[in-house]
């Protein structure tokens, strides 16, 4: 066994430093909120809605920012979601709905007492193709706590196009598709 010399250690350290410099810096992205303005109308407790965790295909519900190339999923080497995609989508959907329905208190976290209704959203497909085409297929159900009140259901298809040359482009395009999804959800007033 040969002893490691100071020169060898310096060489290894230099090589590691060069390798670290070669990697692009990691950036974290969020889908954000519909608006930064707080709601003007104070919701009444009788108008509370809980949004459960959005269900996504397993390969999507990560922090990886991905683009589909046919059957291949390409992960971004430089960008990640700051949270699981399902959590970020729930926050954006809820803030978009709060903006449209300021009289409803919309919660994305479990409440201490059951809400009068809950909104379940299931994403069957959310593909961003390398050419910038987005396909989002989802279904939602408004499920009242009262079993005598009927459940409202709807299927939604969102199709959009946009640039995907950068992680910021991808985040912007996905944000737009999620907001388009939220705009198609109808809540009783």
N, C-alpha and C. Protein backbone atom coordinates (compact mmCIF):
# COMPACT_ATOMS: atom_id res chain seq x y z
N UNK A 1 0.84 -1.17 0.00
CA UNK A 1 0.00 0.00 0.00
C UNK A 1 0.89 1.24 0.00
N UNK A 2 0.61 2.16 -0.88
CA UNK A 2 1.44 3.36 -1.02
C UNK A 2 0.86 4.48 -0.16
N UNK A 3 1.70 5.23 0.54
CA UNK A 3 1.20 6.36 1.32
C UNK A 3 0.76 7.49 0.39
N UNK A 4 -0.24 8.23 0.83
CA UNK A 4 -0.73 9.38 0.06
C UNK A 4 0.12 10.59 0.42
N UNK A 5 0.67 11.21 -0.61
CA UNK A 5 1.54 12.36 -0.38
C UNK A 5 0.72 13.64 -0.40
N UNK A 6 1.32 14.69 0.07
CA UNK A 6 0.68 15.99 0.06
C UNK A 6 0.37 16.42 -1.37
N UNK A 7 1.28 16.13 -2.28
CA UNK A 7 1.08 16.49 -3.68
C UNK A 7 -0.14 15.76 -4.25
N UNK A 8 -0.30 14.48 -3.90
CA UNK A 8 -1.44 13.71 -4.39
C UNK A 8 -2.74 14.27 -3.82
N UNK A 9 -2.74 14.63 -2.54
CA UNK A 9 -3.93 15.22 -1.92
C UNK A 9 -4.30 16.54 -2.57
N UNK A 10 -3.30 17.35 -2.87
CA UNK A 10 -3.56 18.62 -3.55
C UNK A 10 -4.13 18.38 -4.94
N UNK A 11 -3.61 17.39 -5.64
CA UNK A 11 -4.12 17.06 -6.97
C UNK A 11 -5.57 16.61 -6.92
N UNK A 12 -5.90 15.78 -5.93
CA UNK A 12 -7.28 15.30 -5.77
C UNK A 12 -8.19 16.48 -5.43
N UNK A 13 -7.76 17.35 -4.55
CA UNK A 13 -8.55 18.52 -4.18
C UNK A 13 -8.78 19.46 -5.35
N UNK A 14 -7.73 19.65 -6.16
CA UNK A 14 -7.86 20.51 -7.34
C UNK A 14 -8.84 19.91 -8.35
N UNK A 15 -8.76 18.59 -8.57
CA UNK A 15 -9.67 17.92 -9.50
C UNK A 15 -11.11 18.01 -9.00
N UNK A 16 -11.33 17.87 -7.70
CA UNK A 16 -12.68 17.97 -7.13
C UNK A 16 -13.22 19.39 -7.29
N UNK A 17 -12.37 20.38 -7.11
CA UNK A 17 -12.78 21.77 -7.26
C UNK A 17 -13.18 22.06 -8.70
N UNK A 18 -12.41 21.55 -9.65
CA UNK A 18 -12.75 21.75 -11.06
C UNK A 18 -14.06 21.06 -11.41
N UNK A 19 -14.28 19.88 -10.88
CA UNK A 19 -15.53 19.16 -11.16
C UNK A 19 -16.72 19.92 -10.59
N UNK A 20 -16.58 20.49 -9.41
CA UNK A 20 -17.67 21.26 -8.80
C UNK A 20 -17.97 22.51 -9.61
N UNK A 21 -16.95 23.12 -10.16
CA UNK A 21 -17.15 24.33 -10.96
C UNK A 21 -17.84 24.02 -12.28
N UNK A 22 -17.70 22.81 -12.77
CA UNK A 22 -18.27 22.45 -14.06
C UNK A 22 -19.79 22.27 -14.00
N UNK A 23 -20.33 21.96 -12.83
CA UNK A 23 -21.77 21.74 -12.70
C UNK A 23 -22.50 23.07 -12.68
N UNK A 24 -23.67 23.14 -13.35
CA UNK A 24 -24.43 24.39 -13.32
C UNK A 24 -24.99 24.62 -11.91
N UNK A 25 -25.17 25.87 -11.54
CA UNK A 25 -25.73 26.12 -10.21
C UNK A 25 -27.18 25.64 -10.13
N UNK A 26 -27.53 25.09 -8.99
CA UNK A 26 -28.89 24.58 -8.79
C UNK A 26 -29.81 25.74 -8.40
N UNK A 27 -30.94 25.84 -9.09
CA UNK A 27 -31.94 26.86 -8.77
C UNK A 27 -33.22 26.15 -8.36
N UNK A 28 -33.90 26.72 -7.37
CA UNK A 28 -35.16 26.18 -6.90
C UNK A 28 -36.29 27.07 -7.39
N UNK A 29 -37.37 26.44 -7.89
CA UNK A 29 -38.51 27.16 -8.45
C UNK A 29 -39.78 26.79 -7.71
N UNK A 30 -40.72 27.71 -7.69
CA UNK A 30 -42.06 27.44 -7.18
C UNK A 30 -43.06 27.79 -8.27
N UNK A 31 -44.24 27.20 -8.17
CA UNK A 31 -45.31 27.60 -9.09
C UNK A 31 -45.87 28.95 -8.67
N UNK A 32 -45.70 29.31 -7.41
CA UNK A 32 -46.13 30.61 -6.92
C UNK A 32 -47.59 30.66 -6.54
N UNK A 33 -48.10 31.87 -6.43
CA UNK A 33 -49.48 32.12 -6.05
C UNK A 33 -50.13 32.96 -7.13
N UNK A 34 -51.45 32.93 -7.16
CA UNK A 34 -52.19 33.70 -8.16
C UNK A 34 -51.95 35.20 -8.00
N UNK A 35 -51.82 35.65 -6.77
CA UNK A 35 -51.59 37.06 -6.50
C UNK A 35 -50.90 37.20 -5.16
N UNK A 36 -50.20 38.28 -4.96
CA UNK A 36 -49.58 38.55 -3.68
C UNK A 36 -50.48 39.40 -2.78
N UNK A 37 -51.61 39.87 -3.32
CA UNK A 37 -52.53 40.70 -2.55
C UNK A 37 -53.38 39.84 -1.62
N UNK A 38 -53.50 40.20 -0.34
CA UNK A 38 -54.37 39.43 0.55
C UNK A 38 -55.83 39.63 0.17
N UNK A 39 -56.64 38.65 0.47
CA UNK A 39 -58.08 38.74 0.18
C UNK A 39 -58.69 39.87 0.98
N UNK A 40 -59.55 40.64 0.32
CA UNK A 40 -60.21 41.77 0.97
C UNK A 40 -61.40 41.29 1.79
N UNK A 41 -62.13 40.31 1.27
CA UNK A 41 -63.32 39.81 1.94
C UNK A 41 -62.90 38.74 2.95
N UNK A 42 -63.39 38.86 4.18
CA UNK A 42 -63.12 37.83 5.18
C UNK A 42 -64.15 36.72 5.02
N UNK A 43 -63.71 35.49 4.75
CA UNK A 43 -64.66 34.40 4.57
C UNK A 43 -65.34 34.04 5.88
N UNK A 44 -66.57 33.56 5.77
CA UNK A 44 -67.28 33.10 6.97
C UNK A 44 -66.94 31.63 7.18
N UNK A 45 -66.93 31.16 8.42
CA UNK A 45 -66.58 29.78 8.69
C UNK A 45 -67.50 28.78 7.99
N UNK A 46 -68.72 29.16 7.66
CA UNK A 46 -69.64 28.26 6.98
C UNK A 46 -69.23 28.00 5.53
N UNK A 47 -68.35 28.82 5.01
CA UNK A 47 -67.90 28.68 3.64
C UNK A 47 -66.42 28.28 3.61
N UNK A 48 -66.13 27.12 4.15
CA UNK A 48 -64.77 26.61 4.17
C UNK A 48 -64.68 25.43 3.21
N UNK A 49 -63.59 25.38 2.49
CA UNK A 49 -63.34 24.29 1.55
C UNK A 49 -61.92 23.80 1.78
N UNK A 50 -61.77 22.51 1.89
CA UNK A 50 -60.44 21.93 2.04
C UNK A 50 -60.02 21.30 0.72
N UNK A 51 -58.83 21.67 0.26
CA UNK A 51 -58.27 21.03 -0.93
C UNK A 51 -57.30 19.97 -0.43
N UNK A 52 -57.60 18.73 -0.75
CA UNK A 52 -56.71 17.65 -0.35
C UNK A 52 -55.48 17.66 -1.25
N UNK A 53 -54.48 16.90 -0.88
CA UNK A 53 -53.27 16.82 -1.69
C UNK A 53 -53.64 16.39 -3.10
N UNK A 54 -53.12 17.08 -4.08
CA UNK A 54 -53.40 16.75 -5.47
C UNK A 54 -52.67 15.46 -5.81
N UNK A 55 -53.39 14.55 -6.44
CA UNK A 55 -52.82 13.26 -6.81
C UNK A 55 -52.22 13.36 -8.21
N UNK A 56 -50.95 13.01 -8.31
CA UNK A 56 -50.21 13.02 -9.58
C UNK A 56 -49.64 11.64 -9.85
N UNK A 57 -49.33 11.34 -11.12
CA UNK A 57 -48.56 10.12 -11.37
C UNK A 57 -47.25 10.17 -10.58
N UNK A 58 -46.81 9.02 -10.09
CA UNK A 58 -45.63 8.97 -9.22
C UNK A 58 -44.39 9.63 -9.81
N UNK A 59 -44.17 9.46 -11.11
CA UNK A 59 -42.95 10.01 -11.71
C UNK A 59 -42.96 11.54 -11.74
N UNK A 60 -44.14 12.14 -11.59
CA UNK A 60 -44.24 13.60 -11.59
C UNK A 60 -44.19 14.20 -10.19
N UNK A 61 -44.62 13.45 -9.19
CA UNK A 61 -44.74 14.01 -7.85
C UNK A 61 -43.41 13.98 -7.11
N UNK A 62 -42.48 14.73 -7.65
CA UNK A 62 -41.13 14.84 -7.09
C UNK A 62 -40.75 16.31 -7.09
N UNK A 63 -39.49 16.58 -6.80
CA UNK A 63 -38.98 17.93 -6.93
C UNK A 63 -38.27 18.13 -8.26
N UNK A 64 -38.17 17.07 -9.06
CA UNK A 64 -37.49 17.15 -10.35
C UNK A 64 -38.33 17.95 -11.35
N UNK A 65 -37.69 18.81 -12.09
CA UNK A 65 -38.33 19.51 -13.21
C UNK A 65 -38.03 18.66 -14.43
N UNK A 66 -39.09 18.19 -15.10
CA UNK A 66 -38.87 17.25 -16.19
C UNK A 66 -39.56 17.69 -17.48
N UNK A 67 -39.00 17.23 -18.58
CA UNK A 67 -39.57 17.42 -19.91
C UNK A 67 -39.60 16.04 -20.56
N UNK A 68 -40.69 15.76 -21.25
CA UNK A 68 -40.84 14.45 -21.91
C UNK A 68 -40.30 14.53 -23.33
N UNK A 69 -39.52 13.50 -23.68
CA UNK A 69 -39.02 13.32 -25.04
C UNK A 69 -39.52 11.96 -25.51
N UNK A 70 -40.76 11.92 -26.00
CA UNK A 70 -41.37 10.63 -26.35
C UNK A 70 -41.62 9.82 -25.10
N UNK A 71 -41.02 8.64 -25.00
CA UNK A 71 -41.17 7.79 -23.82
C UNK A 71 -40.08 8.06 -22.78
N UNK A 72 -39.19 9.00 -23.07
CA UNK A 72 -38.08 9.31 -22.16
C UNK A 72 -38.41 10.56 -21.36
N UNK A 73 -38.13 10.49 -20.06
CA UNK A 73 -38.31 11.64 -19.18
C UNK A 73 -36.92 12.24 -18.94
N UNK A 74 -36.75 13.51 -19.31
CA UNK A 74 -35.47 14.20 -19.14
C UNK A 74 -35.57 15.14 -17.95
N UNK A 75 -34.70 14.91 -16.97
CA UNK A 75 -34.67 15.73 -15.75
C UNK A 75 -33.72 16.89 -15.94
N UNK A 76 -34.11 18.06 -15.44
CA UNK A 76 -33.26 19.24 -15.53
C UNK A 76 -32.03 19.06 -14.64
N UNK A 77 -30.83 19.35 -15.16
CA UNK A 77 -29.64 19.26 -14.32
C UNK A 77 -29.45 20.48 -13.41
N UNK A 78 -30.19 21.56 -13.69
CA UNK A 78 -29.93 22.81 -12.96
C UNK A 78 -31.12 23.36 -12.20
N UNK A 79 -32.31 22.77 -12.36
CA UNK A 79 -33.49 23.31 -11.69
C UNK A 79 -34.27 22.23 -10.97
N UNK A 80 -34.83 22.60 -9.83
CA UNK A 80 -35.68 21.71 -9.04
C UNK A 80 -36.85 22.54 -8.52
N UNK A 81 -37.98 21.85 -8.27
CA UNK A 81 -39.08 22.49 -7.56
C UNK A 81 -38.66 22.64 -6.10
N UNK A 82 -39.07 23.68 -5.44
CA UNK A 82 -38.74 23.90 -4.04
C UNK A 82 -39.50 22.96 -3.13
N UNK A 83 -40.55 22.33 -3.64
CA UNK A 83 -41.36 21.38 -2.89
C UNK A 83 -41.88 20.34 -3.87
N UNK A 84 -42.51 19.29 -3.36
CA UNK A 84 -43.10 18.30 -4.26
C UNK A 84 -44.08 19.02 -5.18
N UNK A 85 -44.17 18.57 -6.41
CA UNK A 85 -45.03 19.24 -7.39
C UNK A 85 -46.48 19.25 -6.93
N UNK A 86 -46.95 18.17 -6.30
CA UNK A 86 -48.35 18.14 -5.84
C UNK A 86 -48.62 19.23 -4.81
N UNK A 87 -47.68 19.52 -3.94
CA UNK A 87 -47.86 20.59 -2.94
C UNK A 87 -47.88 21.96 -3.60
N UNK A 88 -46.96 22.19 -4.52
CA UNK A 88 -46.94 23.47 -5.23
C UNK A 88 -48.20 23.69 -6.05
N UNK A 89 -48.70 22.62 -6.68
CA UNK A 89 -49.93 22.74 -7.46
C UNK A 89 -51.12 23.06 -6.56
N UNK A 90 -51.19 22.41 -5.39
CA UNK A 90 -52.30 22.67 -4.45
C UNK A 90 -52.29 24.13 -4.01
N UNK A 91 -51.13 24.68 -3.73
CA UNK A 91 -51.04 26.09 -3.31
C UNK A 91 -51.46 27.03 -4.43
N UNK A 92 -51.03 26.75 -5.67
CA UNK A 92 -51.41 27.62 -6.79
C UNK A 92 -52.90 27.51 -7.10
N UNK A 93 -53.44 26.29 -7.09
CA UNK A 93 -54.88 26.12 -7.33
C UNK A 93 -55.68 26.84 -6.25
N UNK A 94 -55.29 26.66 -4.99
CA UNK A 94 -56.05 27.30 -3.90
C UNK A 94 -55.97 28.83 -3.97
N UNK A 95 -54.80 29.37 -4.29
CA UNK A 95 -54.71 30.84 -4.37
C UNK A 95 -55.48 31.38 -5.57
N UNK A 96 -55.52 30.63 -6.66
CA UNK A 96 -56.31 31.04 -7.83
C UNK A 96 -57.80 31.01 -7.49
N UNK A 97 -58.23 29.95 -6.78
CA UNK A 97 -59.63 29.86 -6.38
C UNK A 97 -59.99 30.94 -5.35
N UNK A 98 -59.07 31.24 -4.42
CA UNK A 98 -59.32 32.32 -3.44
C UNK A 98 -59.54 33.65 -4.14
N UNK A 99 -58.80 33.86 -5.19
CA UNK A 99 -58.93 35.11 -5.95
C UNK A 99 -60.31 35.16 -6.62
N UNK A 100 -60.78 34.03 -7.15
CA UNK A 100 -62.08 33.99 -7.82
C UNK A 100 -63.24 33.93 -6.83
N UNK A 101 -63.03 33.32 -5.68
CA UNK A 101 -64.08 33.12 -4.68
C UNK A 101 -63.60 33.64 -3.32
N UNK A 102 -63.47 34.95 -3.16
CA UNK A 102 -62.92 35.49 -1.90
C UNK A 102 -63.79 35.22 -0.68
N UNK A 103 -65.06 34.87 -0.88
CA UNK A 103 -65.95 34.61 0.25
C UNK A 103 -65.78 33.19 0.81
N UNK A 104 -64.95 32.37 0.16
CA UNK A 104 -64.73 31.00 0.62
C UNK A 104 -63.34 30.89 1.23
N UNK A 105 -63.28 30.33 2.43
CA UNK A 105 -62.00 30.07 3.08
C UNK A 105 -61.48 28.74 2.53
N UNK A 106 -60.40 28.80 1.77
CA UNK A 106 -59.87 27.60 1.12
C UNK A 106 -58.59 27.20 1.82
N UNK A 107 -58.58 25.99 2.35
CA UNK A 107 -57.44 25.48 3.11
C UNK A 107 -56.76 24.35 2.34
N UNK A 108 -55.44 24.34 2.38
CA UNK A 108 -54.69 23.26 1.75
C UNK A 108 -54.04 22.36 2.78
N UNK A 109 -54.26 22.65 4.04
CA UNK A 109 -53.74 21.82 5.13
C UNK A 109 -54.91 21.22 5.90
N UNK A 110 -54.71 20.08 6.54
CA UNK A 110 -55.81 19.49 7.32
C UNK A 110 -56.34 20.46 8.37
N UNK A 111 -57.64 20.50 8.51
CA UNK A 111 -58.30 21.40 9.46
C UNK A 111 -58.60 20.64 10.75
N UNK A 112 -58.71 21.36 11.88
CA UNK A 112 -59.02 20.67 13.14
C UNK A 112 -60.43 20.07 13.17
N UNK A 113 -61.34 20.67 12.42
CA UNK A 113 -62.69 20.10 12.27
C UNK A 113 -62.96 19.95 10.78
N UNK A 114 -63.75 18.96 10.37
CA UNK A 114 -63.99 18.77 8.95
C UNK A 114 -64.65 19.99 8.30
N UNK A 115 -64.18 20.30 7.11
CA UNK A 115 -64.79 21.40 6.34
C UNK A 115 -66.12 20.91 5.77
N UNK A 116 -67.04 21.84 5.49
CA UNK A 116 -68.31 21.45 4.89
C UNK A 116 -68.16 20.75 3.54
N UNK A 117 -67.02 20.95 2.88
CA UNK A 117 -66.77 20.29 1.60
C UNK A 117 -65.27 20.19 1.38
N UNK A 118 -64.90 19.23 0.55
CA UNK A 118 -63.49 19.10 0.17
C UNK A 118 -63.40 18.97 -1.34
N UNK A 119 -62.29 19.44 -1.87
CA UNK A 119 -62.05 19.38 -3.30
C UNK A 119 -60.91 18.40 -3.55
N UNK A 120 -61.21 17.32 -4.27
CA UNK A 120 -60.20 16.34 -4.65
C UNK A 120 -59.84 16.57 -6.11
N UNK A 121 -58.55 16.63 -6.40
CA UNK A 121 -58.07 16.82 -7.77
C UNK A 121 -57.11 15.69 -8.09
N UNK A 122 -57.36 15.03 -9.21
CA UNK A 122 -56.48 13.95 -9.67
C UNK A 122 -55.97 14.32 -11.05
N UNK A 123 -54.66 14.30 -11.20
CA UNK A 123 -54.02 14.58 -12.48
C UNK A 123 -53.69 13.24 -13.12
N UNK A 124 -54.28 12.98 -14.27
CA UNK A 124 -53.97 11.76 -14.99
C UNK A 124 -52.73 11.94 -15.87
N UNK A 125 -52.56 13.16 -16.38
CA UNK A 125 -51.44 13.44 -17.27
C UNK A 125 -51.04 14.89 -17.12
N UNK A 126 -49.74 15.14 -17.02
CA UNK A 126 -49.22 16.50 -17.02
C UNK A 126 -47.86 16.42 -17.71
N UNK A 127 -47.89 16.42 -19.04
CA UNK A 127 -46.68 16.28 -19.82
C UNK A 127 -46.30 17.59 -20.48
N UNK A 128 -45.04 17.95 -20.32
CA UNK A 128 -44.47 19.06 -21.08
C UNK A 128 -43.49 18.41 -22.04
N UNK A 129 -43.78 18.55 -23.32
CA UNK A 129 -42.96 17.92 -24.35
C UNK A 129 -41.79 18.83 -24.70
N UNK A 130 -40.75 18.25 -25.26
CA UNK A 130 -39.56 19.02 -25.60
C UNK A 130 -39.83 20.12 -26.63
N UNK A 131 -40.94 20.01 -27.38
CA UNK A 131 -41.29 21.05 -28.35
C UNK A 131 -42.12 22.17 -27.73
N UNK A 132 -42.40 22.07 -26.41
CA UNK A 132 -43.15 23.12 -25.71
C UNK A 132 -44.64 22.89 -25.63
N UNK A 133 -45.11 21.75 -26.11
CA UNK A 133 -46.54 21.42 -26.03
C UNK A 133 -46.83 20.86 -24.63
N UNK A 134 -47.88 21.38 -23.99
CA UNK A 134 -48.29 20.92 -22.66
C UNK A 134 -49.63 20.23 -22.77
N UNK A 135 -49.74 19.07 -22.13
CA UNK A 135 -51.00 18.34 -22.05
C UNK A 135 -51.26 18.03 -20.58
N UNK A 136 -52.34 18.60 -20.07
CA UNK A 136 -52.75 18.37 -18.68
C UNK A 136 -54.17 17.82 -18.70
N UNK A 137 -54.34 16.60 -18.22
CA UNK A 137 -55.65 15.97 -18.10
C UNK A 137 -55.91 15.72 -16.63
N UNK A 138 -57.06 16.19 -16.16
CA UNK A 138 -57.35 16.09 -14.73
C UNK A 138 -58.84 15.86 -14.52
N UNK A 139 -59.16 15.45 -13.32
CA UNK A 139 -60.55 15.38 -12.89
C UNK A 139 -60.61 15.96 -11.49
N UNK A 140 -61.75 16.57 -11.18
CA UNK A 140 -61.93 17.10 -9.84
C UNK A 140 -63.31 16.71 -9.35
N UNK A 141 -63.41 16.63 -8.03
CA UNK A 141 -64.69 16.32 -7.39
C UNK A 141 -64.84 17.20 -6.17
N UNK A 142 -66.00 17.85 -6.08
CA UNK A 142 -66.36 18.63 -4.90
C UNK A 142 -67.24 17.73 -4.06
N UNK A 143 -66.72 17.32 -2.90
CA UNK A 143 -67.37 16.31 -2.07
C UNK A 143 -67.88 16.97 -0.79
N UNK A 144 -69.21 17.15 -0.67
CA UNK A 144 -69.77 17.77 0.53
C UNK A 144 -69.68 16.81 1.73
N UNK A 145 -69.56 17.38 2.91
CA UNK A 145 -69.57 16.59 4.14
C UNK A 145 -70.94 15.95 4.35
N UNK A 146 -71.99 16.68 3.96
CA UNK A 146 -73.36 16.18 4.07
C UNK A 146 -73.61 15.15 2.97
N UNK A 147 -73.86 13.88 3.33
CA UNK A 147 -74.05 12.84 2.30
C UNK A 147 -75.32 13.02 1.47
N UNK A 148 -76.23 13.90 1.90
CA UNK A 148 -77.45 14.15 1.13
C UNK A 148 -77.22 15.11 -0.04
N UNK A 149 -76.12 15.85 0.01
CA UNK A 149 -75.79 16.80 -1.06
C UNK A 149 -74.98 16.06 -2.12
N UNK A 150 -75.35 16.20 -3.39
CA UNK A 150 -74.65 15.45 -4.44
C UNK A 150 -73.20 15.93 -4.64
N UNK A 151 -72.39 15.00 -5.09
CA UNK A 151 -71.00 15.30 -5.42
C UNK A 151 -70.97 15.91 -6.82
N UNK A 152 -70.19 16.97 -6.99
CA UNK A 152 -69.99 17.60 -8.29
C UNK A 152 -68.66 17.10 -8.85
N UNK A 153 -68.68 16.66 -10.12
CA UNK A 153 -67.47 16.13 -10.77
C UNK A 153 -67.29 16.76 -12.15
N UNK A 154 -66.03 16.84 -12.55
CA UNK A 154 -65.75 17.34 -13.89
C UNK A 154 -64.38 16.85 -14.34
N UNK A 155 -64.25 16.58 -15.64
CA UNK A 155 -62.96 16.28 -16.26
C UNK A 155 -62.49 17.53 -16.98
N UNK A 156 -61.19 17.76 -16.94
CA UNK A 156 -60.61 18.97 -17.53
C UNK A 156 -59.43 18.59 -18.42
N UNK A 157 -59.35 19.25 -19.57
CA UNK A 157 -58.20 19.10 -20.47
C UNK A 157 -57.63 20.49 -20.72
N UNK A 158 -56.34 20.62 -20.50
CA UNK A 158 -55.65 21.88 -20.78
C UNK A 158 -54.57 21.57 -21.81
N UNK A 159 -54.55 22.36 -22.88
CA UNK A 159 -53.52 22.24 -23.91
C UNK A 159 -52.94 23.63 -24.13
N UNK A 160 -51.62 23.73 -24.02
CA UNK A 160 -50.94 25.00 -24.23
C UNK A 160 -49.62 24.75 -24.93
N UNK A 161 -49.01 25.82 -25.40
CA UNK A 161 -47.68 25.77 -26.01
C UNK A 161 -46.86 26.93 -25.49
N UNK A 162 -45.56 26.71 -25.42
CA UNK A 162 -44.67 27.77 -25.00
C UNK A 162 -43.23 27.30 -25.05
N UNK A 163 -42.31 28.21 -24.79
CA UNK A 163 -40.89 27.83 -24.84
C UNK A 163 -40.51 26.98 -23.62
N UNK A 164 -39.54 26.09 -23.81
CA UNK A 164 -39.01 25.28 -22.71
C UNK A 164 -37.48 25.22 -22.80
N UNK A 165 -36.86 26.29 -23.29
CA UNK A 165 -35.41 26.30 -23.42
C UNK A 165 -34.70 26.42 -22.07
N UNK A 166 -35.37 26.97 -21.06
CA UNK A 166 -34.74 27.14 -19.75
C UNK A 166 -35.68 26.61 -18.66
N UNK A 167 -35.12 26.44 -17.47
CA UNK A 167 -35.94 26.01 -16.33
C UNK A 167 -37.01 27.05 -16.02
N UNK A 168 -36.68 28.33 -16.18
CA UNK A 168 -37.66 29.39 -15.95
C UNK A 168 -38.80 29.29 -16.95
N UNK A 169 -38.49 28.99 -18.21
CA UNK A 169 -39.53 28.79 -19.22
C UNK A 169 -40.45 27.65 -18.81
N UNK A 170 -39.86 26.54 -18.36
CA UNK A 170 -40.64 25.38 -17.95
C UNK A 170 -41.54 25.72 -16.77
N UNK A 171 -41.00 26.42 -15.77
CA UNK A 171 -41.80 26.81 -14.59
C UNK A 171 -42.95 27.72 -15.00
N UNK A 172 -42.70 28.67 -15.88
CA UNK A 172 -43.73 29.60 -16.34
C UNK A 172 -44.83 28.86 -17.10
N UNK A 173 -44.45 27.94 -17.97
CA UNK A 173 -45.42 27.19 -18.77
C UNK A 173 -46.27 26.28 -17.88
N UNK A 174 -45.64 25.62 -16.92
CA UNK A 174 -46.39 24.74 -16.02
C UNK A 174 -47.31 25.55 -15.11
N UNK A 175 -46.86 26.70 -14.67
CA UNK A 175 -47.70 27.59 -13.85
C UNK A 175 -48.95 28.00 -14.64
N UNK A 176 -48.77 28.35 -15.90
CA UNK A 176 -49.89 28.76 -16.73
C UNK A 176 -50.89 27.61 -16.89
N UNK A 177 -50.40 26.39 -17.07
CA UNK A 177 -51.30 25.24 -17.24
C UNK A 177 -52.07 24.96 -15.95
N UNK A 178 -51.41 25.07 -14.80
CA UNK A 178 -52.10 24.83 -13.52
C UNK A 178 -53.14 25.91 -13.27
N UNK A 179 -52.84 27.15 -13.60
CA UNK A 179 -53.84 28.22 -13.45
C UNK A 179 -55.02 28.00 -14.39
N UNK A 180 -54.76 27.50 -15.60
CA UNK A 180 -55.85 27.19 -16.53
C UNK A 180 -56.74 26.08 -15.96
N UNK A 181 -56.13 25.11 -15.32
CA UNK A 181 -56.89 24.06 -14.63
C UNK A 181 -57.78 24.67 -13.56
N UNK A 182 -57.20 25.52 -12.71
CA UNK A 182 -57.97 26.13 -11.60
C UNK A 182 -59.11 27.00 -12.12
N UNK A 183 -58.91 27.66 -13.26
CA UNK A 183 -59.96 28.51 -13.81
C UNK A 183 -61.19 27.71 -14.26
N UNK A 184 -61.00 26.41 -14.49
CA UNK A 184 -62.11 25.57 -14.95
C UNK A 184 -62.84 24.87 -13.80
N UNK A 185 -62.41 25.12 -12.57
CA UNK A 185 -63.08 24.54 -11.41
C UNK A 185 -64.17 25.49 -10.96
N UNK A 186 -65.41 25.00 -10.89
CA UNK A 186 -66.55 25.84 -10.49
C UNK A 186 -66.99 25.47 -9.09
N UNK A 187 -67.00 26.46 -8.21
CA UNK A 187 -67.44 26.25 -6.83
C UNK A 187 -68.80 26.92 -6.62
N UNK A 188 -69.66 26.33 -5.79
CA UNK A 188 -70.93 27.00 -5.48
C UNK A 188 -70.67 28.24 -4.63
N UNK A 189 -71.48 29.26 -4.83
CA UNK A 189 -71.25 30.51 -4.08
C UNK A 189 -72.25 30.73 -2.99
